[in-house]
Amino acid sequence: MDRYTTLQSFVLVAESGSFAAAALKEGVTPVVMGRRLDALERHLGVKLMHRSTRGLALTDLGEQYLERARGLLKDFEEADASISHHGTSVRGHLVISAPAAFGRRHIGPHAPAFQARYPDLQLSFNFTDSVVDLVRHGYDMGIRIGEVTDPNYVAIKLFPNRRVVCGAPDYFERQGVPRILEDLARHNCLAFNLQGGQQRGWTFLRDGKQVAVKVAGNLDCNDGELLFNWVKQGLGIGWRSTWEIQAELKRGELVTVLDEFALPAYDIQAVYPQQRYLPAKVRFFIDYLKQIYNAPGYWEVR
């Protein structure tokens, strides 16, 4: 019995919820996946899964074994990474989380070329504006915008970024231009309401100290791209990242205000869990994104 392949198959079946779904990902038949699990259970002398017409369910021992199996597979991967650290090939499965709008505009479009460069590598993306637990949900890495304070993660800066207040020129013609932070109270501020963002307010730097300013407006949502579109339509002002608005600023479709109060850095960062060896697939993808993002003029045309 190939223990590595069997462990991979067990974890894949457990995470997929069915032999058919796992077999599709593995490129084999459901019968083969079933035989691998049977062999594993015979080897261990315990039942790992209950199987019925309604689906699969892990036994208590199966739950315990799943956690250990994931750890063993990770150890295998890190051992490979330590040997191939200076190599140029990479294989396996790279799972990435990123903010929704950023992922759609600045990660997804570049994924096919990266996969073509490394054809033995499978890529999976989850674009969401929720901050996910990378370890708990099985991600190899994530893209974060802003400070990363969790000591369990390593953060690599990909490109400098700031958060600024911006709006359409016609909005400021109608409503006036805010000159101090207190002026925001009389403006229609289009806020992000996911994970308490609206309650925390917008963060600025005044007299060397960070201050949070509560804002209010007649529109809020949990989708950053929709907020961005509302701002461009002149429906109100927003607190947006410079990565998102550079092209519009260059064309004069948006202008920034209160720049003297903007936080000095709200950088775009790649993060991954602390580990002894950095897998080559993660290292290569981070280097790939850094090269793209630092190309002259990249942010001004997207």
Protein backbone atom coordinates (compact mmCIF):
# COMPACT_ATOMS: atom_id res chain seq x y z
CA MET A 1 0.00 0.00 0.00
CA ASP A 2 1.35 3.43 -1.00
CA ARG A 3 0.89 5.22 2.31
CA TYR A 4 1.36 8.72 0.90
CA THR A 5 -1.21 8.25 -1.88
CA THR A 6 -3.61 6.55 0.51
CA LEU A 7 -3.36 9.40 3.00
CA GLN A 8 -3.93 11.93 0.23
CA SER A 9 -6.99 10.02 -0.95
CA PHE A 10 -8.42 9.76 2.58
CA VAL A 11 -8.04 13.50 3.18
CA LEU A 12 -9.49 14.33 -0.22
CA VAL A 13 -12.55 12.09 0.32
CA ALA A 14 -13.11 13.53 3.80
CA GLU A 15 -12.89 17.12 2.54
CA SER A 16 -14.92 16.50 -0.64
CA GLY A 17 -17.71 14.59 1.09
CA SER A 18 -17.96 11.89 -1.55
CA PHE A 19 -15.88 9.37 -3.44
CA ALA A 20 -17.12 10.74 -6.77
CA ALA A 21 -16.04 14.32 -6.04
CA ALA A 22 -12.67 13.18 -4.67
CA ALA A 23 -12.10 10.86 -7.63
CA LEU A 24 -12.79 13.71 -10.05
CA LYS A 25 -10.14 15.87 -8.40
CA GLU A 26 -7.67 12.98 -8.27
CA GLY A 27 -8.27 11.89 -11.87
CA VAL A 28 -9.25 8.32 -10.98
CA THR A 29 -12.51 6.40 -10.64
CA PRO A 30 -14.63 6.33 -7.46
CA VAL A 31 -13.94 2.60 -7.24
CA VAL A 32 -10.20 3.27 -6.96
CA MET A 33 -10.80 5.81 -4.19
CA GLY A 34 -13.00 3.32 -2.36
CA ARG A 35 -10.34 0.61 -2.59
CA ARG A 36 -7.72 2.96 -1.17
CA LEU A 37 -9.89 3.74 1.83
CA ASP A 38 -10.68 0.05 2.34
CA ALA A 39 -6.96 -0.73 2.33
CA LEU A 40 -6.27 2.03 4.84
CA GLU A 41 -9.00 0.82 7.21
CA ARG A 42 -7.74 -2.78 6.95
CA HIS A 43 -4.19 -1.61 7.68
CA LEU A 44 -5.32 0.39 10.73
CA GLY A 45 -7.90 -2.13 11.88
CA VAL A 46 -10.50 0.61 12.53
CA LYS A 47 -13.46 2.19 10.77
CA LEU A 48 -12.68 5.70 9.57
CA MET A 49 -15.89 6.48 7.67
CA HIS A 50 -19.53 5.51 7.70
CA ARG A 51 -20.82 5.15 4.14
CA SER A 52 -24.47 5.24 3.14
CA THR A 53 -26.66 6.32 0.25
CA ARG A 54 -26.99 9.70 1.96
CA GLY A 55 -23.24 10.33 1.95
CA LEU A 56 -20.14 9.89 4.07
CA ALA A 57 -19.53 10.66 7.72
CA LEU A 58 -16.28 10.37 9.62
CA THR A 59 -16.19 8.27 12.75
CA ASP A 60 -14.67 9.73 15.91
CA LEU A 61 -11.44 7.92 15.11
CA GLY A 62 -11.72 9.13 11.53
CA GLU A 63 -11.90 12.76 12.76
CA GLN A 64 -8.78 12.23 14.85
CA TYR A 65 -6.95 10.53 11.99
CA LEU A 66 -7.91 13.28 9.53
CA GLU A 67 -6.16 15.89 11.64
CA ARG A 68 -3.02 13.76 11.92
CA ALA A 69 -3.11 12.89 8.21
CA ARG A 70 -3.23 16.57 7.24
CA GLY A 71 -0.21 17.20 9.43
CA LEU A 72 1.70 14.31 7.90
CA LEU A 73 0.96 15.47 4.35
CA LYS A 74 2.12 18.95 5.30
CA ASP A 75 5.35 17.50 6.66
CA PHE A 76 5.88 15.62 3.40
CA GLU A 77 5.34 18.83 1.44
CA GLU A 78 7.72 20.83 3.61
CA ALA A 79 10.36 18.12 3.27
CA ASP A 80 10.03 18.33 -0.51
CA ALA A 81 10.24 22.12 -0.33
CA SER A 82 13.46 21.95 1.68
CA ILE A 83 15.11 19.84 -1.03
CA SER A 84 13.70 21.71 -4.04
CA HIS A 85 14.23 25.18 -2.55
CA HIS A 86 16.61 26.10 -5.37
CA GLY A 87 14.74 24.20 -8.06
CA THR A 88 12.65 25.62 -10.86
CA SER A 89 9.78 23.11 -10.94
CA VAL A 90 6.81 22.88 -8.64
CA ARG A 91 3.84 20.56 -8.35
CA GLY A 92 0.89 19.89 -6.08
CA HIS A 93 -2.09 22.04 -5.10
CA LEU A 94 -1.87 25.74 -4.18
CA VAL A 95 -4.92 27.11 -2.33
CA ILE A 96 -5.18 30.91 -2.02
CA SER A 97 -7.56 33.34 -0.32
CA ALA A 98 -7.83 37.01 -1.30
CA PRO A 99 -10.21 39.98 -1.01
CA ALA A 100 -12.96 39.65 -3.61
CA ALA A 101 -12.45 42.73 -5.78
CA PHE A 102 -8.67 42.55 -5.54
CA GLY A 103 -8.69 38.89 -6.46
CA ARG A 104 -10.91 39.42 -9.48
CA ARG A 105 -8.84 42.31 -10.81
CA HIS A 106 -5.28 41.57 -9.74
CA ILE A 107 -4.92 37.83 -9.12
CA GLY A 108 -7.38 35.89 -11.25
CA PRO A 109 -6.27 37.44 -14.58
CA HIS A 110 -2.64 36.40 -13.89
CA ALA A 111 -3.39 32.85 -12.74
CA PRO A 112 -3.50 31.16 -16.18
CA ALA A 113 -0.01 32.34 -17.12
CA PHE A 114 1.38 31.13 -13.79
CA GLN A 115 -0.29 27.75 -14.18
CA ALA A 116 1.04 27.48 -17.73
CA ARG A 117 4.53 28.09 -16.36
CA TYR A 118 4.03 25.26 -13.84
CA PRO A 119 1.64 22.80 -15.53
CA ASP A 120 1.92 20.22 -12.72
CA LEU A 121 0.50 22.70 -10.21
CA GLN A 122 -3.23 22.96 -9.49
CA LEU A 123 -4.51 26.37 -8.36
CA SER A 124 -7.60 27.02 -6.25
CA PHE A 125 -8.84 30.49 -5.26
CA ASN A 126 -11.36 31.78 -2.76
CA PHE A 127 -12.13 35.47 -3.28
CA THR A 128 -14.02 36.86 -0.29
CA ASP A 129 -14.07 40.06 1.73
CA SER A 130 -14.23 38.01 4.94
CA VAL A 131 -10.92 37.51 6.72
CA VAL A 132 -10.44 33.75 6.77
CA ASP A 133 -8.36 31.59 9.09
CA LEU A 134 -5.79 30.20 6.67
CA VAL A 135 -4.80 27.23 8.82
CA ARG A 136 -8.28 26.22 9.89
CA HIS A 137 -9.65 26.34 6.35
CA GLY A 138 -6.66 24.75 4.66
CA TYR A 139 -5.22 27.67 2.68
CA ASP A 140 -1.57 27.73 1.71
CA MET A 141 -1.47 31.53 1.59
CA GLY A 142 -3.63 34.62 1.47
CA ILE A 143 -3.52 38.18 0.23
CA ARG A 144 -4.23 40.83 2.86
CA ILE A 145 -4.54 44.58 2.51
CA GLY A 146 -3.38 46.41 5.59
CA GLU A 147 -1.41 45.49 8.67
CA VAL A 148 -1.04 41.82 9.60
CA THR A 149 -0.70 41.47 13.38
CA ASP A 150 -1.19 37.72 13.88
CA PRO A 151 2.20 36.34 15.06
CA ASN A 152 1.31 32.94 13.57
CA TYR A 153 1.57 34.40 10.06
CA VAL A 154 4.49 35.60 7.96
CA ALA A 155 3.69 38.72 5.91
CA ILE A 156 5.52 39.64 2.71
CA LYS A 157 4.95 43.11 1.24
CA LEU A 158 3.93 42.92 -2.42
CA PHE A 159 3.34 46.60 -3.16
CA PRO A 160 2.84 49.86 -1.21
CA ASN A 161 -0.72 51.01 -0.79
CA ARG A 162 -2.67 53.63 1.17
CA ARG A 163 -6.30 54.14 2.13
CA VAL A 164 -7.67 57.53 1.09
CA VAL A 165 -10.98 59.35 1.00
CA CYS A 166 -12.14 59.87 -2.55
CA GLY A 167 -15.15 60.92 -4.58
CA ALA A 168 -16.32 62.01 -8.01
CA PRO A 169 -15.66 65.67 -8.95
CA ASP A 170 -19.37 66.36 -9.43
CA TYR A 171 -20.11 65.12 -5.89
CA PHE A 172 -17.68 67.65 -4.40
CA GLU A 173 -19.10 70.38 -6.62
CA ARG A 174 -22.53 69.71 -5.13
CA GLN A 175 -21.58 68.99 -1.53
CA GLY A 176 -18.30 70.83 -1.00
CA VAL A 177 -14.85 69.49 -0.17
CA PRO A 178 -14.10 68.24 3.39
CA ARG A 179 -11.09 70.06 4.82
CA ILE A 180 -10.83 68.49 8.28
CA LEU A 181 -11.89 65.10 9.65
CA GLU A 182 -14.90 66.59 11.42
CA ASP A 183 -16.30 67.64 8.01
CA LEU A 184 -17.02 63.97 7.25
CA ALA A 185 -20.07 64.18 9.54
CA ARG A 186 -21.90 66.26 6.91
CA HIS A 187 -20.99 64.04 3.96
CA ASN A 188 -22.66 60.95 2.56
CA CYS A 189 -20.03 58.33 3.43
CA LEU A 190 -20.50 54.99 1.68
CA ALA A 191 -19.27 52.46 4.19
CA PHE A 192 -18.21 48.84 4.24
CA ASN A 193 -20.38 46.91 6.71
CA LEU A 194 -18.71 43.48 6.82
CA GLN A 195 -17.20 42.26 10.11
CA GLY A 196 -17.93 45.49 11.94
CA GLY A 197 -16.25 47.79 9.42
CA GLN A 198 -19.00 50.39 9.61
CA GLN A 199 -18.93 50.47 13.42
CA ARG A 200 -15.13 50.87 13.53
CA GLY A 201 -15.28 53.83 11.18
CA TRP A 202 -12.53 55.15 8.93
CA THR A 203 -8.98 55.36 10.30
CA PHE A 204 -6.70 58.37 9.85
CA LEU A 205 -3.44 59.76 11.19
CA ARG A 206 -3.63 63.11 13.03
CA ASP A 207 -0.81 64.62 15.07
CA GLY A 208 1.10 61.34 14.81
CA LYS A 209 -1.74 59.26 16.27
CA GLN A 210 -4.29 56.99 14.63
CA VAL A 211 -7.88 58.14 15.04
CA ALA A 212 -11.07 56.36 14.01
CA VAL A 213 -13.85 58.57 12.67
CA LYS A 214 -17.41 57.27 12.72
CA VAL A 215 -19.13 57.86 9.40
CA ALA A 216 -22.68 57.54 8.11
CA GLY A 217 -24.44 57.51 4.78
CA ASN A 218 -27.54 56.32 2.97
CA LEU A 219 -25.82 53.31 1.35
CA ASP A 220 -23.59 50.61 2.79
CA CYS A 221 -22.80 47.03 1.81
CA ASN A 222 -20.37 44.15 2.27
CA ASP A 223 -18.96 44.28 -1.28
CA GLY A 224 -16.00 46.57 -1.87
CA GLU A 225 -16.40 46.67 -5.63
CA LEU A 226 -20.02 47.80 -5.38
CA LEU A 227 -19.00 50.57 -2.98
CA PHE A 228 -16.31 51.61 -5.44
CA ASN A 229 -18.87 51.81 -8.25
CA TRP A 230 -21.22 53.90 -6.12
CA VAL A 231 -18.39 56.34 -5.40
CA LYS A 232 -17.60 56.62 -9.11
CA GLN A 233 -21.28 57.37 -9.79
CA GLY A 234 -21.10 60.37 -7.44
CA LEU A 235 -23.51 58.91 -4.87
CA GLY A 236 -21.17 59.68 -1.99
CA ILE A 237 -17.56 59.45 -0.87
CA GLY A 238 -15.57 56.35 0.05
CA TRP A 239 -12.49 55.26 1.96
CA ARG A 240 -10.71 53.26 -0.70
CA SER A 241 -7.30 51.73 -1.35
CA THR A 242 -5.02 53.41 -3.85
CA TRP A 243 -4.61 50.09 -5.72
CA GLU A 244 -8.29 50.34 -6.60
CA ILE A 245 -8.49 53.93 -7.82
CA GLN A 246 -5.20 54.77 -9.57
CA ALA A 247 -6.62 54.53 -13.10
CA GLU A 248 -9.66 56.67 -12.17
CA LEU A 249 -7.43 59.27 -10.50
CA LYS A 250 -5.28 59.49 -13.61
CA ARG A 251 -8.36 59.99 -15.81
CA GLY A 252 -9.84 62.57 -13.43
CA GLU A 253 -12.91 60.45 -12.70
CA LEU A 254 -12.09 60.49 -8.99
CA VAL A 255 -10.20 62.89 -6.73
CA THR A 256 -8.85 62.42 -3.22
CA VAL A 257 -9.42 64.64 -0.20
CA LEU A 258 -8.01 64.79 3.34
CA ASP A 259 -4.75 63.34 2.02
CA GLU A 260 -2.75 64.91 4.86
CA PHE A 261 -4.60 62.61 7.28
CA ALA A 262 -4.14 59.36 5.33
CA LEU A 263 -2.40 56.46 7.06
CA PRO A 264 1.18 56.14 5.78
CA ALA A 265 0.84 52.49 4.76
CA TYR A 266 -1.98 50.06 4.12
CA ASP A 267 0.14 47.74 2.03
CA ILE A 268 -0.79 44.77 -0.12
CA GLN A 269 0.77 41.74 1.52
CA ALA A 270 1.04 38.01 0.96
CA VAL A 271 0.65 36.02 4.16
CA TYR A 272 1.21 32.39 4.99
CA PRO A 273 1.30 30.36 8.21
CA GLN A 274 4.55 30.17 10.14
CA GLN A 275 6.34 26.99 9.10
CA ARG A 276 9.82 25.56 9.09
CA TYR A 277 10.09 25.40 5.30
CA LEU A 278 8.34 27.67 2.82
CA PRO A 279 6.82 25.46 0.09
CA ALA A 280 8.19 26.25 -3.35
CA LYS A 281 4.66 26.70 -4.74
CA VAL A 282 4.01 29.53 -2.27
CA ARG A 283 7.40 31.15 -2.81
CA PHE A 284 7.08 31.03 -6.59
CA PHE A 285 3.59 32.55 -6.58
CA ILE A 286 4.62 35.38 -4.27
CA ASP A 287 7.64 36.18 -6.47
CA TYR A 288 5.39 36.06 -9.54
CA LEU A 289 2.92 38.59 -8.08
CA LYS A 290 5.71 40.91 -6.90
CA GLN A 291 7.15 41.01 -10.40
CA ILE A 292 3.77 41.89 -11.91
CA TYR A 293 2.79 44.48 -9.33
CA ASN A 294 6.12 46.29 -9.48
CA ALA A 295 6.09 46.64 -13.27
CA PRO A 296 6.10 50.37 -14.17
CA GLY A 297 2.59 51.74 -14.70
CA TYR A 298 0.78 48.53 -13.76
CA TRP A 299 -1.63 50.13 -11.27
CA GLU A 300 -2.43 53.10 -13.51
CA VAL A 301 -4.13 51.03 -16.21
CA ARG A 302 -6.17 48.56 -14.12
